[in-house]
Amino acid sequence: MTTREELPKKIAVLMGGPGSEREVSLATGRGVAKALRSLGAEVVEIDVRNEDFQLPNDVDLAFITIHGTFGEDGQIQKILEDRGVRYSGDGVEGSRNAFDKILSKQKFLEHKVATPESEVIDVGRRPKMSVPLVVKPARQGSTVGVVIVKNENELDGAMKEAGKYDRKLLVEKFVSGRELTIGILGDQALPIIEIIPKGGFYDFNTKYPFLNPTAGASAQHVCPANIDATLTKKIQELALRAFRALGLMVYARVDVILSDTGEPFVLEANTIPGMTETSLLPEAAAAAGIGYADLCARIIALSRLRQGCGGQARDRTEDKR
């Protein structure tokens, strides 16, 4: 664990971003900045709107809290590496693998990670698989553009909705079951959370009710999930395998569906999951005895470990000798 004395002296918290999850990212960034200040770090908050964002020259680490496009897809990681700035989370390749649902699916299949049957189609084409289906844009986060199709007459509308966000779509066989998520910190799988959304679908409004209180969307979180010890271990090990299959080393939140027949299937991994007051990763960490500030410190420690094992960005303290 990173102690107060071991934290980088000056940390830039990068938040916002140009994508569809900007408001959630701002909330996450404010929470992380507050936690890091409580640990004694000097923190500067940077509202990132495009690739031309500026950082103070004496920043020792960039803590990325930008969800979705630009934050989780490897773009900002590449910019920071090109500038020689160390950053939190996983590197360019791992971020790309996890963010792109099509690449993720390929990695899961290569490493024999159980995942729902799927096919890739271009916008304007119809899938070969029969309903029920889930239609997903290849490169979006927080269920943006994701549509569950239960009836054939819903398919065209679902394809049109998902097609607003990407030209390539992943179509998965719908698996009925319990929605689970597992936080990963390095080699540690956190307690499983079961998500029970009111209304049946864990969409953007349900995940972040504070952004749209009038929508009336909410979800119950059960942590740890009411699952027996043997199956719990199997699900946590599956989540760790998925994490490693994507080439990840630092942290993520792996989403899993536990089918009605009791078989777990990995859906995706989120490499910069939400850290707001309603977010799942801090909730799982708390159940494991890890407070919010400690969670932020552990993410920094794991990030430094990854960069020590081959990260490209140099430590700016070298420039100040």
Protein backbone atom coordinates (compact mmCIF):
# COMPACT_ATOMS: atom_id res chain seq x y z
CA MET A 1 0.00 0.00 0.00
CA THR A 2 1.14 3.55 -0.78
CA THR A 3 1.47 5.64 2.38
CA ARG A 4 1.17 9.40 2.67
CA GLU A 5 4.96 9.69 2.53
CA GLU A 6 5.16 7.55 -0.63
CA LEU A 7 2.50 9.41 -2.64
CA PRO A 8 3.73 11.53 -5.55
CA LYS A 9 4.18 15.07 -4.31
CA LYS A 10 2.05 16.77 -6.98
CA ILE A 11 -0.81 14.96 -8.70
CA ALA A 12 -2.95 16.23 -11.58
CA VAL A 13 -6.45 14.71 -11.53
CA LEU A 14 -7.65 14.59 -15.14
CA MET A 15 -11.44 14.70 -15.35
CA GLY A 16 -14.32 15.51 -17.66
CA GLY A 17 -13.28 14.62 -21.17
CA PRO A 18 -15.16 15.16 -24.45
CA GLY A 19 -17.22 11.94 -24.33
CA SER A 20 -20.76 11.01 -23.30
CA GLU A 21 -19.70 10.27 -19.69
CA ARG A 22 -18.30 13.74 -19.01
CA GLU A 23 -20.57 14.62 -16.06
CA VAL A 24 -19.90 11.32 -14.29
CA SER A 25 -16.17 11.83 -14.82
CA LEU A 26 -16.31 15.28 -13.23
CA ALA A 27 -17.97 13.75 -10.15
CA THR A 28 -15.36 10.98 -10.01
CA GLY A 29 -12.53 13.49 -10.41
CA ARG A 30 -13.76 15.67 -7.58
CA GLY A 31 -14.01 12.65 -5.29
CA VAL A 32 -10.51 11.43 -6.13
CA ALA A 33 -9.02 14.92 -5.75
CA LYS A 34 -10.58 15.29 -2.29
CA ALA A 35 -9.27 11.86 -1.24
CA LEU A 36 -5.74 12.56 -2.43
CA ARG A 37 -5.67 15.89 -0.62
CA SER A 38 -6.74 14.09 2.55
CA LEU A 39 -3.60 11.96 2.16
CA GLY A 40 -1.41 15.05 1.99
CA ALA A 41 -0.80 15.30 -1.75
CA GLU A 42 -0.77 18.58 -3.63
CA VAL A 43 -3.57 18.18 -6.18
CA VAL A 44 -4.44 20.21 -9.25
CA GLU A 45 -7.76 19.48 -10.97
CA ILE A 46 -7.65 19.56 -14.78
CA ASP A 47 -10.91 19.73 -16.77
CA VAL A 48 -9.93 17.98 -19.99
CA ARG A 49 -11.99 18.97 -23.03
CA ASN A 50 -9.70 17.87 -25.85
CA GLU A 51 -6.18 16.67 -26.56
CA ASP A 52 -4.71 20.15 -26.03
CA PHE A 53 -5.10 20.09 -22.24
CA GLN A 54 -2.24 21.65 -20.30
CA LEU A 55 -0.43 20.28 -17.23
CA PRO A 56 1.89 22.11 -14.83
CA ASN A 57 5.52 21.27 -15.54
CA ASP A 58 6.12 19.96 -12.03
CA VAL A 59 3.34 17.34 -11.96
CA ASP A 60 4.66 13.95 -10.80
CA LEU A 61 1.61 11.85 -11.76
CA ALA A 62 -1.61 12.24 -13.73
CA PHE A 63 -4.52 10.43 -12.10
CA ILE A 64 -6.97 9.68 -14.93
CA THR A 65 -10.66 9.81 -14.00
CA ILE A 66 -12.06 10.22 -17.52
CA HIS A 67 -14.59 7.49 -18.26
CA GLY A 68 -15.36 6.11 -21.69
CA THR A 69 -14.13 7.69 -24.91
CA PHE A 70 -10.73 9.43 -24.69
CA GLY A 71 -10.14 8.25 -21.11
CA GLU A 72 -10.44 4.46 -21.26
CA ASP A 73 -9.62 3.80 -24.91
CA GLY A 74 -5.88 4.49 -24.84
CA GLN A 75 -6.01 7.99 -26.32
CA ILE A 76 -5.09 10.01 -23.25
CA GLN A 77 -2.61 7.32 -22.17
CA LYS A 78 -0.76 7.75 -25.49
CA ILE A 79 -0.74 11.54 -25.13
CA LEU A 80 0.67 11.33 -21.61
CA GLU A 81 3.35 8.84 -22.68
CA ASP A 82 4.34 11.11 -25.56
CA ARG A 83 4.67 13.97 -23.05
CA GLY A 84 6.69 11.83 -20.64
CA VAL A 85 4.09 11.97 -17.84
CA ARG A 86 3.41 8.99 -15.58
CA TYR A 87 -0.27 8.21 -15.09
CA SER A 88 -2.66 5.99 -13.17
CA GLY A 89 -4.23 2.84 -14.52
CA ASP A 90 -3.27 0.57 -17.36
CA GLY A 91 -1.31 1.38 -20.49
CA VAL A 92 -2.30 2.09 -24.08
CA GLU A 93 -2.71 -1.48 -25.32
CA GLY A 94 -4.57 -2.83 -22.30
CA SER A 95 -6.88 0.17 -22.33
CA ARG A 96 -7.66 -0.31 -26.02
CA ASN A 97 -8.27 -4.03 -25.55
CA ALA A 98 -10.73 -3.48 -22.72
CA PHE A 99 -12.58 -0.51 -24.19
CA ASP A 100 -13.25 -2.05 -27.60
CA LYS A 101 -15.96 -4.67 -27.02
CA ILE A 102 -14.98 -6.52 -30.19
CA LEU A 103 -11.30 -6.71 -29.20
CA SER A 104 -12.33 -7.75 -25.68
CA LYS A 105 -14.47 -10.56 -27.05
CA GLN A 106 -11.55 -11.80 -29.16
CA LYS A 107 -9.23 -11.80 -26.14
CA PHE A 108 -11.79 -13.63 -24.00
CA LEU A 109 -12.22 -16.33 -26.64
CA GLU A 110 -8.45 -16.68 -27.15
CA HIS A 111 -7.97 -17.22 -23.40
CA LYS A 112 -11.05 -19.44 -23.00
CA VAL A 113 -12.86 -16.97 -20.76
CA ALA A 114 -16.57 -17.84 -20.72
CA THR A 115 -18.50 -15.09 -22.51
CA PRO A 116 -21.86 -14.95 -24.35
CA GLU A 117 -22.07 -16.06 -27.98
CA SER A 118 -21.74 -13.08 -30.31
CA GLU A 119 -21.24 -11.74 -33.81
CA VAL A 120 -19.88 -8.50 -35.26
CA ILE A 121 -21.89 -6.58 -37.83
CA ASP A 122 -21.71 -3.25 -39.63
CA VAL A 123 -24.40 -0.64 -39.13
CA GLY A 124 -27.22 -1.28 -41.60
CA ARG A 125 -26.80 -5.06 -41.51
CA ARG A 126 -28.97 -7.49 -39.57
CA PRO A 127 -27.55 -10.14 -37.25
CA LYS A 128 -27.73 -13.82 -38.07
CA MET A 129 -28.53 -14.78 -34.48
CA SER A 130 -32.14 -14.87 -33.41
CA VAL A 131 -33.66 -12.82 -30.57
CA PRO A 132 -33.33 -12.29 -27.65
CA LEU A 133 -30.17 -10.28 -28.28
CA VAL A 134 -28.13 -7.42 -26.87
CA VAL A 135 -26.88 -4.85 -29.37
CA LYS A 136 -23.80 -2.83 -28.34
CA PRO A 137 -21.69 -0.13 -30.01
CA ALA A 138 -18.13 -1.42 -30.13
CA ARG A 139 -16.56 1.59 -28.41
CA GLN A 140 -18.76 3.18 -25.76
CA GLY A 141 -18.97 2.83 -21.98
CA SER A 142 -21.66 2.90 -19.27
CA THR A 143 -24.22 1.05 -21.43
CA VAL A 144 -24.40 4.06 -23.79
CA GLY A 145 -26.19 2.87 -26.93
CA VAL A 146 -26.75 -0.65 -25.55
CA VAL A 147 -30.19 -2.09 -26.32
CA ILE A 148 -31.74 -5.38 -25.25
CA VAL A 149 -33.91 -6.86 -27.99
CA LYS A 150 -36.57 -9.30 -26.81
CA ASN A 151 -38.80 -9.29 -29.91
CA GLU A 152 -38.01 -9.30 -33.63
CA ASN A 153 -39.98 -6.10 -34.19
CA GLU A 154 -37.62 -4.25 -31.84
CA LEU A 155 -34.49 -5.12 -33.79
CA ASP A 156 -34.44 -2.33 -36.39
CA GLY A 157 -34.91 0.33 -33.73
CA ALA A 158 -32.14 -1.19 -31.61
CA MET A 159 -29.73 -1.27 -34.53
CA LYS A 160 -30.50 2.37 -35.32
CA GLU A 161 -29.97 3.43 -31.69
CA ALA A 162 -26.65 1.59 -31.33
CA GLY A 163 -25.59 2.85 -34.75
CA LYS A 164 -25.66 6.44 -33.46
CA TYR A 165 -22.47 5.70 -31.54
CA ASP A 166 -20.40 3.40 -33.75
CA ARG A 167 -20.22 1.92 -37.25
CA LYS A 168 -19.27 -1.50 -35.87
CA LEU A 169 -21.70 -3.27 -33.55
CA LEU A 170 -21.31 -6.27 -31.27
CA VAL A 171 -24.42 -8.41 -31.06
CA GLU A 172 -24.53 -10.84 -28.15
CA LYS A 173 -26.93 -13.60 -27.29
CA PHE A 174 -29.01 -12.39 -24.36
CA VAL A 175 -28.28 -14.38 -21.20
CA SER A 176 -30.97 -14.24 -18.56
CA GLY A 177 -29.63 -14.16 -15.03
CA ARG A 178 -28.17 -12.11 -12.19
CA GLU A 179 -26.04 -9.04 -12.89
CA LEU A 180 -22.74 -9.12 -11.03
CA THR A 181 -19.64 -6.97 -10.98
CA ILE A 182 -16.21 -7.72 -9.54
CA GLY A 183 -13.61 -5.09 -8.76
CA ILE A 184 -10.00 -6.06 -9.42
CA LEU A 185 -6.97 -4.47 -7.74
CA GLY A 186 -3.82 -6.03 -9.19
CA ASP A 187 -4.07 -9.70 -8.25
CA GLN A 188 -6.95 -9.19 -5.80
CA ALA A 189 -10.60 -9.82 -6.69
CA LEU A 190 -12.84 -7.77 -4.41
CA PRO A 191 -16.17 -9.00 -3.00
CA ILE A 192 -18.82 -9.60 -5.66
CA ILE A 193 -21.63 -7.06 -5.97
CA GLU A 194 -25.03 -8.09 -7.30
CA ILE A 195 -26.92 -5.32 -9.06
CA ILE A 196 -30.71 -5.44 -8.95
CA PRO A 197 -32.00 -2.56 -11.08
CA LYS A 198 -35.54 -1.29 -10.66
CA GLY A 199 -37.04 -1.67 -14.10
CA GLY A 200 -34.88 -4.61 -15.12
CA PHE A 201 -31.97 -2.89 -16.96
CA TYR A 202 -28.89 -1.28 -15.45
CA ASP A 203 -28.74 1.69 -17.82
CA PHE A 204 -26.97 5.05 -17.56
CA ASN A 205 -29.69 6.71 -15.47
CA THR A 206 -29.81 3.75 -13.09
CA LYS A 207 -26.04 3.82 -12.63
CA TYR A 208 -25.91 7.55 -11.95
CA PRO A 209 -29.25 8.67 -10.47
CA PHE A 210 -27.70 11.89 -9.11
CA LEU A 211 -27.32 13.17 -12.69
CA ASN A 212 -31.04 12.86 -13.45
CA PRO A 213 -33.07 12.64 -10.23
CA THR A 214 -36.37 13.12 -12.08
CA ALA A 215 -35.87 9.89 -14.02
CA GLY A 216 -36.67 7.87 -10.92
CA ALA A 217 -34.09 5.24 -11.85
CA SER A 218 -32.24 3.32 -9.16
CA ALA A 219 -30.74 -0.04 -8.35
CA GLN A 220 -30.17 -2.14 -5.27
CA HIS A 221 -26.59 -3.28 -4.65
CA VAL A 222 -25.99 -6.44 -2.63
CA CYS A 223 -22.40 -6.66 -1.40
CA PRO A 224 -21.16 -9.24 -0.92
CA ALA A 225 -23.60 -10.99 -3.24
CA ASN A 226 -25.64 -13.83 -1.80
CA ILE A 227 -23.68 -16.58 -3.55
CA ASP A 228 -22.15 -19.66 -1.94
CA ALA A 229 -18.40 -19.72 -1.27
CA THR A 230 -17.52 -22.23 -4.01
CA LEU A 231 -19.34 -20.32 -6.75
CA THR A 232 -18.05 -16.99 -5.41
CA LYS A 233 -14.48 -18.22 -5.81
CA LYS A 234 -15.22 -19.48 -9.34
CA ILE A 235 -16.66 -16.12 -10.37
CA GLN A 236 -13.79 -14.14 -8.86
CA GLU A 237 -11.24 -16.37 -10.60
CA LEU A 238 -13.12 -15.94 -13.89
CA ALA A 239 -13.02 -12.15 -13.45
CA LEU A 240 -9.27 -12.27 -12.78
CA ARG A 241 -8.74 -14.41 -15.91
CA ALA A 242 -10.70 -11.90 -17.98
CA PHE A 243 -8.63 -9.05 -16.50
CA ARG A 244 -5.39 -10.80 -17.41
CA ALA A 245 -6.66 -11.88 -20.85
CA LEU A 246 -6.94 -8.19 -21.72
CA GLY A 247 -3.37 -7.57 -20.60
CA LEU A 248 -4.42 -5.50 -17.58
CA MET A 249 -2.30 -5.12 -14.45
CA VAL A 250 -3.63 -2.23 -12.36
CA TYR A 251 -7.36 -2.12 -11.69
CA ALA A 252 -10.72 -2.60 -13.33
CA ARG A 253 -14.30 -3.63 -12.72
CA VAL A 254 -15.37 -6.79 -14.53
CA ASP A 255 -19.06 -7.23 -15.34
CA VAL A 256 -20.45 -10.76 -15.25
CA ILE A 257 -23.86 -12.33 -15.82
CA LEU A 258 -24.67 -15.38 -13.72
CA SER A 259 -27.08 -17.36 -15.87
CA ASP A 260 -30.29 -18.90 -14.61
CA THR A 261 -28.51 -22.26 -14.85
CA GLY A 262 -25.71 -21.06 -12.55
CA GLU A 263 -22.97 -20.47 -15.14
CA PRO A 264 -21.05 -17.16 -15.08
CA PHE A 265 -20.26 -15.31 -18.32
CA VAL A 266 -17.98 -12.27 -18.62
CA LEU A 267 -19.46 -9.29 -20.43
CA GLU A 268 -16.72 -6.66 -20.28
CA ALA A 269 -14.10 -4.90 -18.16
CA ASN A 270 -14.05 -1.21 -17.27
CA THR A 271 -10.52 0.10 -16.77
CA ILE A 272 -11.52 3.47 -15.26
CA PRO A 273 -14.72 2.60 -13.40
CA GLY A 274 -16.77 5.22 -11.61
CA MET A 275 -15.59 6.53 -8.24
CA THR A 276 -18.66 8.62 -7.37
CA GLU A 277 -20.76 8.34 -4.22
CA THR A 278 -22.95 5.71 -5.91
CA SER A 279 -20.16 3.82 -7.69
CA LEU A 280 -19.54 0.12 -7.41
CA LEU A 281 -15.75 -0.11 -7.08
CA PRO A 282 -15.53 1.96 -3.86
CA GLU A 283 -18.45 -0.05 -2.48
CA ALA A 284 -16.69 -3.36 -3.13
CA ALA A 285 -13.41 -2.00 -1.74
CA ALA A 286 -15.18 -0.87 1.43
CA ALA A 287 -16.59 -4.38 1.87
CA ALA A 288 -12.98 -5.63 1.74
CA GLY A 289 -11.92 -3.10 4.38
CA ILE A 290 -10.37 -0.63 1.93
CA GLY A 291 -11.51 2.96 2.42
CA TYR A 292 -11.92 5.43 -0.44
CA ALA A 293 -8.65 7.29 0.11
CA ASP A 294 -6.77 4.01 0.58
CA LEU A 295 -8.30 2.76 -2.70
CA CYS A 296 -6.91 5.80 -4.53
CA ALA A 297 -3.50 5.24 -2.94
CA ARG A 298 -3.51 1.57 -3.93
CA ILE A 299 -4.36 2.46 -7.53
CA ILE A 300 -1.33 4.78 -7.57
CA ALA A 301 0.93 2.08 -6.07
CA LEU A 302 -0.23 -0.51 -8.62
CA SER A 303 0.21 2.01 -11.44
CA ARG A 304 3.79 2.69 -10.38
CA LEU A 305 4.44 -1.04 -10.24
CA ARG A 306 3.12 -1.46 -13.80
CA GLN A 307 5.27 1.38 -15.09
CA GLY A 308 8.26 -0.08 -13.31
CA CYS A 309 7.65 -3.26 -15.32
CA GLY A 310 7.90 -1.57 -18.69
CA GLY A 311 5.84 1.62 -18.73
CA GLN A 312 7.06 4.18 -21.23
CA ALA A 313 6.56 7.43 -19.32
CA ARG A 314 9.47 8.71 -17.28
CA ASP A 315 9.17 10.07 -13.77
CA ARG A 316 9.30 13.85 -13.97
CA THR A 317 11.31 13.94 -10.78
CA GLU A 318 14.22 12.93 -13.01
CA ASP A 319 13.89 16.30 -14.78
CA LYS A 320 14.24 18.18 -11.50
CA ARG A 321 17.55 16.74 -10.29
